[in-house]
Amino acid sequence: MEALTTESAMPFYGGNFLDATLKGKSGKTYELRGALCLVTQHYPDSVNQAIFPNTLLKPGEVFQSQTVYAFSTK
C-alpha cells in the first residue's frame, strides 16, 4: 500500500483498546489489536505548536486536502 497526501501527518491506530464486547457487522466482535486505521490530517495539537503548519481557517477561506491510497501486488 502506498499513501500520497497533501496533509502533514498520518496517525496510526491499531485497536489497542478494542475488546470482544464491541459488535460490528453481522454481529462479529472486534478483538484487541484487530484493527488498523490510517487517517491523513494535520499534526495533532497543531493549533498550539508554532513549529507545526498553520491550521487556522478564516471565514470565507476554503480547505482542500487530497489523499490517494494505492494498492498493488508484485
N, C-alpha and C. Protein backbone atom coordinates (compact mmCIF):
# COMPACT_ATOMS: atom_id res chain seq x y z
N MET A 1 0.84 -1.17 0.00
CA MET A 1 0.00 0.00 0.00
C MET A 1 0.88 1.24 0.00
N GLU A 2 0.49 2.20 -0.77
CA GLU A 2 1.18 3.48 -0.83
C GLU A 2 0.14 4.56 -0.54
N ALA A 3 0.51 5.54 0.29
CA ALA A 3 -0.40 6.64 0.60
C ALA A 3 0.26 7.95 0.19
N LEU A 4 -0.41 8.70 -0.65
CA LEU A 4 0.06 10.00 -1.10
C LEU A 4 -0.93 11.03 -0.60
N THR A 5 -0.45 12.08 0.08
CA THR A 5 -1.36 13.05 0.67
C THR A 5 -0.77 14.44 0.70
N THR A 6 -1.65 15.42 0.74
CA THR A 6 -1.24 16.81 0.91
C THR A 6 -1.20 17.18 2.39
N GLU A 7 -1.61 16.27 3.25
CA GLU A 7 -1.61 16.52 4.69
C GLU A 7 -0.23 16.29 5.27
N SER A 8 -0.02 16.77 6.50
CA SER A 8 1.30 16.69 7.12
C SER A 8 1.48 15.49 8.03
N ALA A 9 0.41 14.78 8.36
CA ALA A 9 0.54 13.66 9.29
C ALA A 9 -0.41 12.53 8.93
N MET A 10 -0.06 11.33 9.41
CA MET A 10 -0.93 10.17 9.25
C MET A 10 -0.82 9.33 10.52
N PRO A 11 -1.61 9.67 11.54
CA PRO A 11 -1.59 8.86 12.76
C PRO A 11 -2.06 7.44 12.49
N PHE A 12 -1.52 6.52 13.27
CA PHE A 12 -1.85 5.09 13.17
C PHE A 12 -2.61 4.69 14.42
N TYR A 13 -3.72 4.01 14.25
CA TYR A 13 -4.47 3.44 15.37
C TYR A 13 -4.52 1.93 15.15
N GLY A 14 -4.08 1.17 16.15
CA GLY A 14 -4.00 -0.27 16.00
C GLY A 14 -5.02 -1.07 16.77
N GLY A 15 -6.03 -0.43 17.33
CA GLY A 15 -7.07 -1.17 18.05
C GLY A 15 -6.65 -1.67 19.41
N ASN A 16 -5.74 -0.96 20.07
CA ASN A 16 -5.26 -1.39 21.38
C ASN A 16 -6.34 -1.40 22.46
N PHE A 17 -7.43 -0.71 22.24
CA PHE A 17 -8.47 -0.63 23.26
C PHE A 17 -9.75 -1.33 22.84
N LEU A 18 -9.70 -2.11 21.79
CA LEU A 18 -10.87 -2.89 21.38
C LEU A 18 -11.00 -4.11 22.28
N ASP A 19 -12.23 -4.54 22.48
CA ASP A 19 -12.44 -5.79 23.21
C ASP A 19 -13.66 -6.50 22.63
N ALA A 20 -13.87 -7.70 23.05
CA ALA A 20 -14.91 -8.56 22.47
C ALA A 20 -16.32 -8.11 22.80
N THR A 21 -16.48 -7.02 23.57
CA THR A 21 -17.83 -6.54 23.87
C THR A 21 -18.38 -5.67 22.75
N LEU A 22 -17.52 -5.20 21.86
CA LEU A 22 -17.96 -4.36 20.75
C LEU A 22 -18.40 -5.23 19.58
N LYS A 23 -19.57 -4.97 19.08
CA LYS A 23 -20.11 -5.75 17.97
C LYS A 23 -20.04 -4.94 16.68
N GLY A 24 -19.66 -5.61 15.60
CA GLY A 24 -19.58 -4.98 14.30
C GLY A 24 -20.58 -5.57 13.34
N LYS A 25 -20.26 -5.51 12.07
CA LYS A 25 -21.13 -6.01 11.01
C LYS A 25 -21.44 -7.50 11.22
N SER A 26 -22.69 -7.84 11.04
CA SER A 26 -23.17 -9.22 11.19
C SER A 26 -22.90 -9.80 12.58
N GLY A 27 -22.79 -8.93 13.59
CA GLY A 27 -22.59 -9.38 14.96
C GLY A 27 -21.19 -9.83 15.31
N LYS A 28 -20.24 -9.66 14.39
CA LYS A 28 -18.86 -10.04 14.67
C LYS A 28 -18.29 -9.15 15.77
N THR A 29 -17.43 -9.71 16.60
CA THR A 29 -16.81 -8.93 17.66
C THR A 29 -15.48 -8.36 17.18
N TYR A 30 -15.09 -7.24 17.78
CA TYR A 30 -13.80 -6.62 17.49
C TYR A 30 -12.81 -7.09 18.55
N GLU A 31 -11.72 -7.66 18.13
CA GLU A 31 -10.73 -8.18 19.06
C GLU A 31 -9.62 -7.16 19.32
N LEU A 32 -8.96 -7.31 20.46
CA LEU A 32 -7.84 -6.47 20.83
C LEU A 32 -6.82 -6.45 19.70
N ARG A 33 -6.42 -5.27 19.29
CA ARG A 33 -5.46 -5.05 18.20
C ARG A 33 -5.92 -5.67 16.88
N GLY A 34 -7.23 -5.77 16.71
CA GLY A 34 -7.78 -6.35 15.50
C GLY A 34 -8.17 -5.31 14.46
N ALA A 35 -7.58 -4.11 14.55
CA ALA A 35 -7.94 -3.05 13.62
C ALA A 35 -6.69 -2.29 13.18
N LEU A 36 -6.83 -1.63 12.08
CA LEU A 36 -5.79 -0.76 11.55
C LEU A 36 -6.48 0.45 10.95
N CYS A 37 -6.11 1.63 11.40
CA CYS A 37 -6.72 2.85 10.89
C CYS A 37 -5.62 3.85 10.59
N LEU A 38 -5.59 4.34 9.37
CA LEU A 38 -4.65 5.38 8.95
C LEU A 38 -5.46 6.56 8.44
N VAL A 39 -5.34 7.70 9.11
CA VAL A 39 -6.12 8.88 8.74
C VAL A 39 -5.17 10.03 8.48
N THR A 40 -5.24 10.60 7.29
CA THR A 40 -4.39 11.75 6.99
C THR A 40 -5.02 12.99 7.57
N GLN A 41 -4.20 13.82 8.19
CA GLN A 41 -4.69 15.03 8.86
C GLN A 41 -3.52 15.96 9.14
N HIS A 42 -3.82 17.11 9.74
CA HIS A 42 -2.75 17.98 10.23
C HIS A 42 -2.14 17.32 11.47
N TYR A 43 -0.97 17.80 11.87
CA TYR A 43 -0.36 17.28 13.08
C TYR A 43 -1.31 17.50 14.26
N PRO A 44 -1.46 16.50 15.12
CA PRO A 44 -2.25 16.72 16.33
C PRO A 44 -1.64 17.87 17.13
N ASP A 45 -2.47 18.69 17.70
CA ASP A 45 -2.07 19.85 18.52
C ASP A 45 -1.39 20.95 17.71
N SER A 46 -1.61 20.95 16.38
CA SER A 46 -1.00 21.99 15.53
C SER A 46 -1.34 23.40 15.97
N VAL A 47 -2.57 23.60 16.41
CA VAL A 47 -3.01 24.94 16.78
C VAL A 47 -2.19 25.51 17.94
N ASN A 48 -1.58 24.66 18.75
CA ASN A 48 -0.81 25.11 19.91
C ASN A 48 0.70 25.04 19.72
N GLN A 49 1.16 24.62 18.54
CA GLN A 49 2.59 24.44 18.30
C GLN A 49 3.03 25.32 17.14
N ALA A 50 3.79 26.35 17.44
CA ALA A 50 4.22 27.31 16.42
C ALA A 50 5.07 26.68 15.32
N ILE A 51 5.77 25.59 15.61
CA ILE A 51 6.63 24.97 14.61
C ILE A 51 5.86 24.07 13.65
N PHE A 52 4.59 23.77 13.95
CA PHE A 52 3.76 22.94 13.07
C PHE A 52 3.08 23.81 12.03
N PRO A 53 2.67 23.24 10.88
CA PRO A 53 1.96 24.02 9.87
C PRO A 53 0.69 24.64 10.44
N ASN A 54 0.34 25.81 9.94
CA ASN A 54 -0.84 26.54 10.40
C ASN A 54 -2.12 25.78 10.05
N THR A 55 -3.07 25.74 10.98
CA THR A 55 -4.34 25.06 10.74
C THR A 55 -5.52 26.01 10.81
N LEU A 56 -5.26 27.30 10.91
CA LEU A 56 -6.33 28.29 11.04
C LEU A 56 -7.05 28.48 9.71
N LEU A 57 -8.37 28.31 9.73
CA LEU A 57 -9.19 28.52 8.54
C LEU A 57 -10.13 29.69 8.84
N LYS A 58 -9.94 30.79 8.13
CA LYS A 58 -10.73 32.00 8.37
C LYS A 58 -12.03 31.96 7.58
N PRO A 59 -13.04 32.71 8.04
CA PRO A 59 -14.32 32.75 7.31
C PRO A 59 -14.10 33.11 5.84
N GLY A 60 -14.74 32.36 4.97
CA GLY A 60 -14.62 32.60 3.53
C GLY A 60 -13.50 31.82 2.86
N GLU A 61 -12.55 31.31 3.65
CA GLU A 61 -11.47 30.51 3.07
C GLU A 61 -11.97 29.08 2.83
N VAL A 62 -11.35 28.41 1.89
CA VAL A 62 -11.73 27.04 1.55
C VAL A 62 -10.58 26.11 1.92
N PHE A 63 -10.91 25.02 2.58
CA PHE A 63 -9.93 23.99 2.90
C PHE A 63 -10.06 22.85 1.91
N GLN A 64 -8.94 22.44 1.34
CA GLN A 64 -8.92 21.29 0.44
C GLN A 64 -7.77 20.39 0.82
N SER A 65 -8.00 19.12 0.75
CA SER A 65 -6.99 18.13 1.05
C SER A 65 -7.21 16.94 0.12
N GLN A 66 -6.14 16.27 -0.22
CA GLN A 66 -6.27 15.10 -1.09
C GLN A 66 -5.40 13.98 -0.55
N THR A 67 -5.99 12.79 -0.51
CA THR A 67 -5.26 11.58 -0.13
C THR A 67 -5.60 10.48 -1.12
N VAL A 68 -4.56 9.82 -1.60
CA VAL A 68 -4.74 8.70 -2.52
C VAL A 68 -4.08 7.48 -1.89
N TYR A 69 -4.86 6.42 -1.72
CA TYR A 69 -4.33 5.14 -1.25
C TYR A 69 -4.20 4.24 -2.47
N ALA A 70 -2.98 3.79 -2.75
CA ALA A 70 -2.73 2.94 -3.91
C ALA A 70 -2.33 1.55 -3.44
N PHE A 71 -3.03 0.55 -3.94
CA PHE A 71 -2.74 -0.84 -3.57
C PHE A 71 -2.20 -1.57 -4.79
N SER A 72 -1.16 -2.37 -4.58
CA SER A 72 -0.59 -3.11 -5.69
C SER A 72 0.02 -4.40 -5.17
N THR A 73 0.31 -5.28 -6.08
CA THR A 73 1.00 -6.54 -5.77
C THR A 73 2.18 -6.67 -6.69
N LYS A 74 3.15 -7.43 -6.27
CA LYS A 74 4.34 -7.63 -7.09
C LYS A 74 4.46 -9.06 -7.50
